[in-house]
Amino acid sequence: MSLNLYKVSQLAVVSTEHLTIVLLITAGVFLFFIALAVIKMYKLKAENKRLTDSEAFKAEVDESYKDFTDGHLYDNN
């Protein structure tokens, strides 16, 4: 009976080498996704700057706009 418990306990033991390999692979995957996110962030920032500096973004301000909050509904008379 004690021999069977010994075999079961040996099956459940994970060596430190296997654990290290699994952790390194997991860290590598996470580093890959972090690097991908950083690259995407810089690309989006560059595109945002390009679009902000474009002429389409710098539309003329409508000078005919009148502040409508001075009406009787707001008791600002």
C-alpha atoms as a PDB file:
ATOM      1  CA  MET A   1       0.000   0.000   0.000  1.00  0.00           C
ATOM      2  CA  SER A   2       2.755   2.465   0.859  1.00  0.00           C
ATOM      3  CA  LEU A   3       4.468   1.647  -2.431  1.00  0.00           C
ATOM      4  CA  ASN A   4       1.421   2.860  -4.414  1.00  0.00           C
ATOM      5  CA  LEU A   5       1.321   6.153  -2.475  1.00  0.00           C
ATOM      6  CA  TYR A   6       4.994   6.665  -3.248  1.00  0.00           C
ATOM      7  CA  LYS A   7       4.367   6.248  -7.002  1.00  0.00           C
ATOM      8  CA  VAL A   8       1.437   8.671  -6.922  1.00  0.00           C
ATOM      9  CA  SER A   9       3.471  11.270  -5.070  1.00  0.00           C
ATOM     10  CA  GLN A  10       6.278  10.925  -7.614  1.00  0.00           C
ATOM     11  CA  LEU A  11       3.857  11.588 -10.475  1.00  0.00           C
ATOM     12  CA  ALA A  12       2.637  14.822  -8.909  1.00  0.00           C
ATOM     13  CA  VAL A  13       6.104  16.271  -8.403  1.00  0.00           C
ATOM     14  CA  VAL A  14       7.138  18.875 -10.971  1.00  0.00           C
ATOM     15  CA  SER A  15      10.811  19.478 -11.381  1.00  0.00           C
ATOM     16  CA  THR A  16      12.182  22.983 -11.071  1.00  0.00           C
ATOM     17  CA  GLU A  17      13.560  22.713 -14.603  1.00  0.00           C
ATOM     18  CA  HIS A  18      10.102  22.106 -16.061  1.00  0.00           C
ATOM     19  CA  LEU A  19       8.602  24.872 -13.964  1.00  0.00           C
ATOM     20  CA  THR A  20      11.330  27.286 -15.058  1.00  0.00           C
ATOM     21  CA  ILE A  21      10.755  26.438 -18.713  1.00  0.00           C
ATOM     22  CA  VAL A  22       6.995  26.973 -18.401  1.00  0.00           C
ATOM     23  CA  LEU A  23       7.504  30.288 -16.614  1.00  0.00           C
ATOM     24  CA  LEU A  24      10.019  31.477 -19.216  1.00  0.00           C
ATOM     25  CA  ILE A  25       7.644  30.616 -22.055  1.00  0.00           C
ATOM     26  CA  THR A  26       4.798  32.419 -20.278  1.00  0.00           C
ATOM     27  CA  ALA A  27       6.978  35.477 -19.662  1.00  0.00           C
ATOM     28  CA  GLY A  28       8.043  35.439 -23.317  1.00  0.00           C
ATOM     29  CA  VAL A  29       4.432  35.421 -24.503  1.00  0.00           C
ATOM     30  CA  PHE A  30       3.550  38.320 -22.195  1.00  0.00           C
ATOM     31  CA  LEU A  31       6.618  40.292 -23.307  1.00  0.00           C
ATOM     32  CA  PHE A  32       5.594  39.741 -26.926  1.00  0.00           C
ATOM     33  CA  PHE A  33       2.107  41.135 -26.277  1.00  0.00           C
ATOM     34  CA  ILE A  34       3.487  44.083 -24.311  1.00  0.00           C
ATOM     35  CA  ALA A  35       5.910  44.919 -27.133  1.00  0.00           C
ATOM     36  CA  LEU A  36       3.070  44.635 -29.641  1.00  0.00           C
ATOM     37  CA  ALA A  37       0.942  47.023 -27.571  1.00  0.00           C
ATOM     38  CA  VAL A  38       3.768  49.570 -27.263  1.00  0.00           C
ATOM     39  CA  ILE A  39       4.403  49.516 -31.007  1.00  0.00           C
ATOM     40  CA  LYS A  40       0.681  49.929 -31.684  1.00  0.00           C
ATOM     41  CA  MET A  41       0.530  52.839 -29.211  1.00  0.00           C
ATOM     42  CA  TYR A  42       3.347  54.704 -30.974  1.00  0.00           C
ATOM     43  CA  LYS A  43       1.755  54.100 -34.382  1.00  0.00           C
ATOM     44  CA  LEU A  44      -1.583  55.423 -33.149  1.00  0.00           C
ATOM     45  CA  LYS A  45       0.080  58.437 -31.548  1.00  0.00           C
ATOM     46  CA  ALA A  46       1.870  59.250 -34.812  1.00  0.00           C
ATOM     47  CA  GLU A  47      -1.349  58.896 -36.802  1.00  0.00           C
ATOM     48  CA  ASN A  48      -3.216  61.083 -34.312  1.00  0.00           C
ATOM     49  CA  LYS A  49      -0.539  63.787 -34.625  1.00  0.00           C
ATOM     50  CA  ARG A  50      -0.671  63.570 -38.417  1.00  0.00           C
ATOM     51  CA  LEU A  51      -4.455  63.890 -38.433  1.00  0.00           C
ATOM     52  CA  THR A  52      -4.429  66.727 -35.916  1.00  0.00           C
ATOM     53  CA  ASP A  53      -1.938  68.680 -38.005  1.00  0.00           C
ATOM     54  CA  SER A  54      -3.894  68.171 -41.225  1.00  0.00           C
ATOM     55  CA  GLU A  55      -5.941  70.938 -42.792  1.00  0.00           C
ATOM     56  CA  ALA A  56      -9.204  69.006 -42.431  1.00  0.00           C
ATOM     57  CA  PHE A  57      -8.930  69.208 -38.643  1.00  0.00           C
ATOM     58  CA  LYS A  58      -8.277  72.951 -38.712  1.00  0.00           C
ATOM     59  CA  ALA A  59     -11.730  73.875 -39.963  1.00  0.00           C
ATOM     60  CA  GLU A  60     -12.818  77.460 -39.807  1.00  0.00           C
ATOM     61  CA  VAL A  61     -14.599  78.483 -36.647  1.00  0.00           C
ATOM     62  CA  ASP A  62     -18.198  79.500 -37.246  1.00  0.00           C
ATOM     63  CA  GLU A  63     -18.229  83.191 -36.364  1.00  0.00           C
ATOM     64  CA  SER A  64     -22.030  83.396 -36.553  1.00  0.00           C
ATOM     65  CA  TYR A  65     -22.438  81.292 -33.409  1.00  0.00           C
ATOM     66  CA  LYS A  66     -24.329  83.104 -30.677  1.00  0.00           C
ATOM     67  CA  ASP A  67     -24.441  82.033 -27.056  1.00  0.00           C
ATOM     68  CA  PHE A  68     -28.007  80.860 -26.539  1.00  0.00           C
ATOM     69  CA  THR A  69     -27.775  80.319 -22.769  1.00  0.00           C
ATOM     70  CA  ASP A  70     -28.579  83.998 -22.073  1.00  0.00           C
ATOM     71  CA  GLY A  71     -32.262  83.416 -22.768  1.00  0.00           C
ATOM     72  CA  HIS A  72     -35.220  83.598 -20.446  1.00  0.00           C
ATOM     73  CA  LEU A  73     -35.044  79.899 -19.598  1.00  0.00           C
ATOM     74  CA  TYR A  74     -31.946  80.434 -17.491  1.00  0.00           C
ATOM     75  CA  ASP A  75     -32.966  83.677 -15.705  1.00  0.00           C
ATOM     76  CA  ASN A  76     -29.759  85.436 -16.729  1.00  0.00           C
ATOM     77  CA  ASN A  77     -31.444  88.698 -17.694  1.00  0.00           C
END
